[in-house]
N, C-alpha and C. Protein backbone atom coordinates (compact mmCIF):
# COMPACT_ATOMS: atom_id res chain seq x y z
N MET A 1 65.84 -31.21 9.56
CA MET A 1 64.58 -31.04 10.27
C MET A 1 64.78 -31.43 11.73
N THR A 2 64.34 -30.58 12.64
CA THR A 2 64.47 -30.84 14.06
C THR A 2 63.43 -31.86 14.50
N ASP A 3 63.84 -32.81 15.31
CA ASP A 3 62.96 -33.86 15.81
C ASP A 3 62.41 -33.47 17.16
N ARG A 4 61.06 -33.38 17.29
CA ARG A 4 60.43 -33.01 18.57
C ARG A 4 60.72 -34.05 19.64
N ALA A 5 61.12 -35.26 19.23
CA ALA A 5 61.45 -36.28 20.22
C ALA A 5 62.66 -35.86 21.04
N ASN A 6 63.43 -34.88 20.54
CA ASN A 6 64.60 -34.39 21.28
C ASN A 6 64.23 -33.32 22.30
N ALA A 7 62.96 -33.03 22.42
CA ALA A 7 62.52 -32.04 23.40
C ALA A 7 62.83 -32.56 24.80
N GLN A 8 63.29 -31.64 25.63
CA GLN A 8 63.59 -31.99 27.02
C GLN A 8 62.42 -31.54 27.88
N GLN A 9 61.89 -32.46 28.70
CA GLN A 9 60.80 -32.07 29.59
C GLN A 9 61.40 -31.35 30.79
N ILE A 10 60.84 -30.16 31.07
CA ILE A 10 61.31 -29.37 32.20
C ILE A 10 60.14 -29.08 33.12
N GLY A 11 60.43 -28.74 34.35
CA GLY A 11 59.40 -28.37 35.30
C GLY A 11 59.76 -27.08 36.00
N ILE A 12 58.79 -26.20 36.11
CA ILE A 12 58.98 -24.94 36.82
C ILE A 12 58.06 -24.96 38.03
N PRO A 13 58.62 -25.05 39.24
CA PRO A 13 57.77 -25.08 40.44
C PRO A 13 57.11 -23.72 40.69
N ILE A 14 55.79 -23.78 40.91
CA ILE A 14 55.02 -22.58 41.24
C ILE A 14 54.12 -22.94 42.41
N ASP A 15 54.36 -22.32 43.55
CA ASP A 15 53.63 -22.65 44.77
C ASP A 15 53.73 -24.15 45.03
N THR A 16 52.59 -24.84 45.04
CA THR A 16 52.59 -26.27 45.38
C THR A 16 52.50 -27.18 44.15
N VAL A 17 52.55 -26.60 42.94
CA VAL A 17 52.49 -27.42 41.72
C VAL A 17 53.72 -27.14 40.86
N THR A 18 53.94 -28.01 39.90
CA THR A 18 55.02 -27.82 38.96
C THR A 18 54.44 -27.73 37.56
N LEU A 19 54.74 -26.65 36.86
CA LEU A 19 54.31 -26.45 35.48
C LEU A 19 55.29 -27.21 34.60
N THR A 20 54.77 -28.18 33.85
CA THR A 20 55.62 -29.04 33.02
C THR A 20 55.57 -28.57 31.57
N GLY A 21 56.73 -28.54 30.94
CA GLY A 21 56.79 -28.11 29.54
C GLY A 21 57.85 -28.87 28.78
N ASP A 22 57.79 -28.74 27.45
CA ASP A 22 58.76 -29.38 26.56
C ASP A 22 59.64 -28.29 25.95
N LEU A 23 60.95 -28.38 26.21
CA LEU A 23 61.92 -27.39 25.74
C LEU A 23 62.78 -28.00 24.64
N THR A 24 62.84 -27.31 23.50
CA THR A 24 63.72 -27.72 22.41
C THR A 24 64.60 -26.54 22.04
N LEU A 25 65.91 -26.76 22.09
CA LEU A 25 66.88 -25.73 21.76
C LEU A 25 67.80 -26.23 20.65
N PRO A 26 67.50 -25.88 19.39
CA PRO A 26 68.38 -26.29 18.30
C PRO A 26 69.77 -25.68 18.47
N ALA A 27 70.76 -26.28 17.84
CA ALA A 27 72.12 -25.74 17.90
C ALA A 27 72.12 -24.28 17.46
N GLY A 28 72.78 -23.44 18.24
CA GLY A 28 72.90 -22.03 17.90
C GLY A 28 71.67 -21.19 18.20
N THR A 29 70.77 -21.71 19.01
CA THR A 29 69.54 -20.97 19.34
C THR A 29 69.88 -19.60 19.91
N ARG A 30 69.21 -18.56 19.35
CA ARG A 30 69.40 -17.20 19.85
C ARG A 30 68.09 -16.58 20.31
N SER A 31 67.00 -17.31 20.11
CA SER A 31 65.70 -16.80 20.56
C SER A 31 64.81 -17.99 20.94
N LEU A 32 63.74 -17.67 21.65
CA LEU A 32 62.86 -18.71 22.18
C LEU A 32 61.41 -18.24 22.07
N VAL A 33 60.55 -19.12 21.56
CA VAL A 33 59.12 -18.85 21.52
C VAL A 33 58.47 -19.74 22.58
N ILE A 34 57.65 -19.13 23.43
CA ILE A 34 56.96 -19.88 24.49
C ILE A 34 55.50 -20.04 24.10
N PHE A 35 55.04 -21.30 24.06
CA PHE A 35 53.65 -21.62 23.79
C PHE A 35 53.00 -21.93 25.14
N ALA A 36 52.01 -21.15 25.53
CA ALA A 36 51.23 -21.43 26.73
C ALA A 36 49.84 -21.81 26.25
N HIS A 37 49.55 -23.10 26.24
CA HIS A 37 48.34 -23.60 25.62
C HIS A 37 47.14 -23.50 26.53
N GLY A 38 46.01 -23.32 25.92
CA GLY A 38 44.76 -23.23 26.66
C GLY A 38 43.67 -23.97 25.92
N SER A 39 42.55 -23.33 25.80
CA SER A 39 41.37 -23.94 25.20
C SER A 39 41.64 -24.43 23.78
N GLY A 40 41.30 -25.69 23.54
CA GLY A 40 41.37 -26.26 22.20
C GLY A 40 42.76 -26.63 21.74
N SER A 41 43.73 -26.66 22.63
CA SER A 41 45.09 -26.91 22.21
C SER A 41 45.86 -27.63 23.31
N SER A 42 47.01 -28.16 22.95
CA SER A 42 47.86 -28.86 23.90
C SER A 42 49.29 -28.84 23.38
N ARG A 43 50.24 -28.96 24.28
CA ARG A 43 51.63 -29.02 23.83
C ARG A 43 51.88 -30.30 23.05
N LEU A 44 50.98 -31.28 23.16
CA LEU A 44 51.14 -32.55 22.46
C LEU A 44 50.38 -32.61 21.14
N SER A 45 49.64 -31.57 20.80
CA SER A 45 48.81 -31.62 19.60
C SER A 45 49.69 -31.61 18.34
N PRO A 46 49.25 -32.30 17.30
CA PRO A 46 50.01 -32.32 16.04
C PRO A 46 50.22 -30.91 15.46
N ARG A 47 49.22 -30.05 15.57
CA ARG A 47 49.34 -28.70 15.03
C ARG A 47 50.46 -27.93 15.73
N ASN A 48 50.49 -27.98 17.06
CA ASN A 48 51.51 -27.25 17.80
C ASN A 48 52.89 -27.86 17.60
N ALA A 49 52.96 -29.17 17.49
CA ALA A 49 54.24 -29.82 17.20
C ALA A 49 54.77 -29.38 15.83
N TYR A 50 53.87 -29.24 14.87
CA TYR A 50 54.25 -28.80 13.52
C TYR A 50 54.80 -27.38 13.56
N VAL A 51 54.09 -26.47 14.22
CA VAL A 51 54.54 -25.07 14.31
C VAL A 51 55.89 -25.00 15.04
N ALA A 52 56.01 -25.74 16.13
CA ALA A 52 57.28 -25.75 16.87
C ALA A 52 58.41 -26.29 16.01
N ARG A 53 58.13 -27.34 15.24
CA ARG A 53 59.16 -27.92 14.36
C ARG A 53 59.61 -26.90 13.31
N LEU A 54 58.66 -26.15 12.73
CA LEU A 54 59.02 -25.12 11.75
C LEU A 54 59.94 -24.07 12.39
N LEU A 55 59.59 -23.65 13.59
CA LEU A 55 60.44 -22.69 14.30
C LEU A 55 61.82 -23.28 14.61
N ASN A 56 61.83 -24.52 15.09
CA ASN A 56 63.09 -25.19 15.42
C ASN A 56 63.98 -25.32 14.18
N ASP A 57 63.37 -25.60 13.04
CA ASP A 57 64.13 -25.73 11.79
C ASP A 57 64.78 -24.41 11.38
N GLN A 58 64.26 -23.29 11.89
CA GLN A 58 64.84 -21.97 11.63
C GLN A 58 65.81 -21.55 12.74
N GLY A 59 66.12 -22.49 13.65
CA GLY A 59 67.06 -22.21 14.73
C GLY A 59 66.44 -21.49 15.92
N ILE A 60 65.12 -21.50 15.99
CA ILE A 60 64.42 -20.84 17.09
C ILE A 60 64.00 -21.89 18.11
N GLY A 61 64.35 -21.67 19.36
CA GLY A 61 63.97 -22.59 20.43
C GLY A 61 62.49 -22.48 20.74
N THR A 62 61.94 -23.55 21.27
CA THR A 62 60.52 -23.53 21.66
C THR A 62 60.36 -24.13 23.05
N LEU A 63 59.41 -23.57 23.78
CA LEU A 63 59.03 -24.08 25.09
C LEU A 63 57.51 -24.17 25.10
N LEU A 64 56.99 -25.40 25.16
CA LEU A 64 55.56 -25.63 25.08
C LEU A 64 55.02 -26.04 26.44
N PHE A 65 54.05 -25.26 26.95
CA PHE A 65 53.43 -25.51 28.24
C PHE A 65 51.94 -25.76 28.08
N ASP A 66 51.37 -26.49 29.01
CA ASP A 66 49.93 -26.64 29.15
C ASP A 66 49.53 -26.02 30.47
N PRO A 67 48.30 -25.54 30.57
CA PRO A 67 47.87 -24.93 31.83
C PRO A 67 47.51 -25.94 32.91
N LEU A 68 47.42 -27.22 32.57
CA LEU A 68 46.99 -28.23 33.53
C LEU A 68 48.18 -28.85 34.27
N THR A 69 47.95 -29.17 35.54
CA THR A 69 48.96 -29.90 36.30
C THR A 69 48.97 -31.35 35.84
N GLU A 70 49.99 -32.10 36.21
CA GLU A 70 50.06 -33.51 35.84
C GLU A 70 48.86 -34.28 36.37
N ARG A 71 48.42 -33.98 37.59
CA ARG A 71 47.27 -34.68 38.17
C ARG A 71 46.00 -34.33 37.39
N GLU A 72 45.85 -33.06 37.01
CA GLU A 72 44.68 -32.67 36.22
C GLU A 72 44.70 -33.37 34.86
N LEU A 73 45.87 -33.53 34.27
CA LEU A 73 45.97 -34.28 33.01
C LEU A 73 45.55 -35.74 33.20
N GLU A 74 45.98 -36.34 34.33
CA GLU A 74 45.55 -37.72 34.63
C GLU A 74 44.04 -37.81 34.72
N VAL A 75 43.44 -36.87 35.45
CA VAL A 75 41.98 -36.87 35.61
C VAL A 75 41.31 -36.67 34.26
N LEU A 76 41.83 -35.77 33.44
CA LEU A 76 41.26 -35.53 32.11
C LEU A 76 41.31 -36.80 31.26
N ARG A 77 42.42 -37.51 31.31
CA ARG A 77 42.53 -38.76 30.54
C ARG A 77 41.51 -39.79 31.02
N LEU A 78 41.29 -39.85 32.32
CA LEU A 78 40.31 -40.80 32.87
C LEU A 78 38.88 -40.38 32.55
N ILE A 79 38.62 -39.08 32.53
CA ILE A 79 37.31 -38.60 32.09
C ILE A 79 37.05 -39.07 30.66
N SER A 80 38.09 -38.98 29.82
CA SER A 80 37.93 -39.36 28.41
C SER A 80 37.65 -40.85 28.25
N GLN A 81 37.95 -41.64 29.29
CA GLN A 81 37.64 -43.06 29.26
C GLN A 81 36.24 -43.34 29.78
N GLY A 82 35.53 -42.28 30.16
CA GLY A 82 34.16 -42.43 30.63
C GLY A 82 34.03 -42.78 32.11
N LEU A 83 35.11 -42.62 32.88
CA LEU A 83 35.05 -42.96 34.30
C LEU A 83 34.31 -41.90 35.09
N SER A 84 33.59 -42.33 36.11
CA SER A 84 32.90 -41.43 37.03
C SER A 84 33.91 -40.87 38.03
N ASN A 85 33.48 -39.87 38.78
CA ASN A 85 34.35 -39.32 39.84
C ASN A 85 34.74 -40.41 40.83
N LYS A 86 33.79 -41.26 41.18
CA LYS A 86 34.06 -42.34 42.14
C LYS A 86 35.11 -43.30 41.59
N GLU A 87 34.99 -43.65 40.31
CA GLU A 87 35.95 -44.57 39.68
C GLU A 87 37.33 -43.92 39.57
N ILE A 88 37.36 -42.65 39.24
CA ILE A 88 38.64 -41.93 39.15
C ILE A 88 39.30 -41.87 40.53
N ALA A 89 38.51 -41.57 41.55
CA ALA A 89 39.03 -41.51 42.91
C ALA A 89 39.66 -42.84 43.31
N SER A 90 38.97 -43.92 43.01
CA SER A 90 39.48 -45.25 43.35
C SER A 90 40.77 -45.56 42.60
N LYS A 91 40.81 -45.23 41.34
CA LYS A 91 41.98 -45.51 40.50
C LYS A 91 43.21 -44.70 40.94
N LEU A 92 42.98 -43.45 41.38
CA LEU A 92 44.10 -42.56 41.75
C LEU A 92 44.36 -42.52 43.25
N PHE A 93 43.56 -43.26 44.02
CA PHE A 93 43.72 -43.30 45.48
C PHE A 93 43.59 -41.92 46.10
N ILE A 94 42.56 -41.18 45.63
CA ILE A 94 42.25 -39.87 46.19
C ILE A 94 40.75 -39.83 46.48
N SER A 95 40.31 -38.81 47.19
CA SER A 95 38.89 -38.72 47.54
C SER A 95 38.06 -38.23 46.34
N GLU A 96 36.77 -38.52 46.39
CA GLU A 96 35.87 -38.01 45.36
C GLU A 96 35.86 -36.49 45.37
N TRP A 97 35.95 -35.91 46.55
CA TRP A 97 35.99 -34.46 46.69
C TRP A 97 37.18 -33.88 45.92
N THR A 98 38.33 -34.54 46.04
CA THR A 98 39.53 -34.09 45.33
C THR A 98 39.34 -34.23 43.83
N VAL A 99 38.72 -35.33 43.41
CA VAL A 99 38.44 -35.51 41.97
C VAL A 99 37.54 -34.38 41.48
N ARG A 100 36.48 -34.07 42.24
CA ARG A 100 35.57 -32.98 41.84
C ARG A 100 36.34 -31.68 41.67
N THR A 101 37.28 -31.42 42.57
CA THR A 101 38.09 -30.21 42.48
C THR A 101 38.92 -30.22 41.20
N HIS A 102 39.56 -31.36 40.90
CA HIS A 102 40.37 -31.47 39.68
C HIS A 102 39.50 -31.30 38.44
N VAL A 103 38.33 -31.94 38.42
CA VAL A 103 37.43 -31.82 37.27
C VAL A 103 37.02 -30.36 37.08
N SER A 104 36.68 -29.70 38.16
CA SER A 104 36.30 -28.29 38.10
C SER A 104 37.44 -27.44 37.56
N ASN A 105 38.67 -27.71 38.03
CA ASN A 105 39.84 -26.97 37.54
C ASN A 105 40.06 -27.19 36.05
N VAL A 106 39.93 -28.44 35.61
CA VAL A 106 40.12 -28.77 34.19
C VAL A 106 39.10 -28.00 33.35
N LEU A 107 37.83 -28.07 33.73
CA LEU A 107 36.78 -27.39 32.97
C LEU A 107 37.01 -25.88 32.94
N SER A 108 37.39 -25.33 34.08
CA SER A 108 37.61 -23.89 34.16
C SER A 108 38.82 -23.46 33.33
N LYS A 109 39.95 -24.14 33.50
CA LYS A 109 41.18 -23.76 32.80
C LYS A 109 41.05 -23.89 31.28
N LEU A 110 40.28 -24.87 30.84
CA LEU A 110 40.14 -25.11 29.40
C LEU A 110 38.89 -24.45 28.82
N HIS A 111 38.16 -23.74 29.66
CA HIS A 111 36.94 -23.05 29.24
C HIS A 111 35.94 -24.02 28.62
N LEU A 112 35.71 -25.13 29.32
CA LEU A 112 34.78 -26.15 28.86
C LEU A 112 33.58 -26.18 29.80
N ALA A 113 32.43 -26.63 29.26
CA ALA A 113 31.20 -26.61 30.04
C ALA A 113 30.82 -27.96 30.63
N SER A 114 31.43 -29.05 30.14
CA SER A 114 30.99 -30.37 30.59
C SER A 114 32.10 -31.40 30.49
N ARG A 115 31.85 -32.55 31.13
CA ARG A 115 32.79 -33.68 31.04
C ARG A 115 32.87 -34.18 29.60
N THR A 116 31.76 -34.11 28.88
CA THR A 116 31.75 -34.55 27.47
C THR A 116 32.69 -33.67 26.66
N GLN A 117 32.61 -32.37 26.86
CA GLN A 117 33.53 -31.47 26.16
C GLN A 117 34.98 -31.76 26.55
N ALA A 118 35.20 -32.08 27.83
CA ALA A 118 36.55 -32.39 28.30
C ALA A 118 37.07 -33.66 27.62
N ALA A 119 36.22 -34.68 27.51
CA ALA A 119 36.62 -35.92 26.85
C ALA A 119 36.96 -35.66 25.39
N LEU A 120 36.14 -34.88 24.71
CA LEU A 120 36.41 -34.54 23.31
C LEU A 120 37.70 -33.74 23.17
N TYR A 121 37.93 -32.82 24.10
CA TYR A 121 39.17 -32.04 24.10
C TYR A 121 40.38 -32.98 24.20
N ALA A 122 40.32 -33.92 25.14
CA ALA A 122 41.43 -34.85 25.35
C ALA A 122 41.69 -35.68 24.09
N LEU A 123 40.64 -36.12 23.45
CA LEU A 123 40.79 -36.93 22.25
C LEU A 123 41.31 -36.10 21.08
N ARG A 124 40.75 -34.92 20.88
CA ARG A 124 41.16 -34.07 19.75
C ARG A 124 42.58 -33.55 19.88
N SER A 125 43.00 -33.31 21.12
CA SER A 125 44.33 -32.73 21.32
C SER A 125 45.43 -33.78 21.44
N GLY A 126 45.05 -35.05 21.40
CA GLY A 126 46.06 -36.11 21.47
C GLY A 126 46.44 -36.49 22.89
N LEU A 127 45.75 -35.96 23.89
CA LEU A 127 46.05 -36.32 25.28
C LEU A 127 45.50 -37.70 25.62
N ALA A 128 44.53 -38.14 24.85
CA ALA A 128 43.94 -39.47 25.03
C ALA A 128 43.67 -40.03 23.64
N SER A 129 43.49 -41.32 23.59
CA SER A 129 43.21 -41.99 22.33
C SER A 129 41.90 -42.74 22.45
N ILE A 130 41.20 -42.85 21.34
CA ILE A 130 39.96 -43.62 21.33
C ILE A 130 40.25 -45.07 21.72
N ASP A 131 41.48 -45.51 21.50
CA ASP A 131 41.87 -46.87 21.88
C ASP A 131 41.95 -47.04 23.39
N ASP A 132 42.05 -45.92 24.13
CA ASP A 132 42.10 -45.98 25.60
C ASP A 132 40.72 -46.18 26.22
N VAL A 133 39.68 -45.92 25.43
CA VAL A 133 38.30 -46.00 25.94
C VAL A 133 37.87 -47.46 25.94
N PRO A 134 37.47 -47.97 27.12
CA PRO A 134 37.05 -49.38 27.17
C PRO A 134 35.79 -49.60 26.34
N GLU A 135 35.69 -50.79 25.74
CA GLU A 135 34.50 -51.11 24.96
C GLU A 135 33.31 -51.29 25.87
N ALA A 136 32.14 -50.89 25.36
CA ALA A 136 30.90 -51.06 26.12
C ALA A 136 30.60 -52.54 26.26
N LYS A 137 30.04 -52.90 27.43
CA LYS A 137 29.73 -54.31 27.68
C LYS A 137 28.35 -54.65 27.21
């Protein structure tokens, strides 16, 4: 059984961002399946890891991508912790305007309507954990 922990993280530069993905090439790989994740999914989700592992066990390479940039993933994780744009800006040392842009990009790319949906997406897809959410005071 192929171990997903052996996946190599790669980056493909596109304009001013880098698309990050996980590449696994079992010994003797002759083909490659590319997963480009979008709404309701992530390269880190258990379901996608399972499908990739099944393919890898058959000698098929896999390359798993997410549509979000690393900064957008950071913002998404902070949204899932219940942080406001102002709090996210302070934590990441960026302007609130920039945070608003990242939040808008996240919602658009993932076809979500609200921050609540974004937080649920992050939790369901394994990008964030309920343990990351601070307890209410």
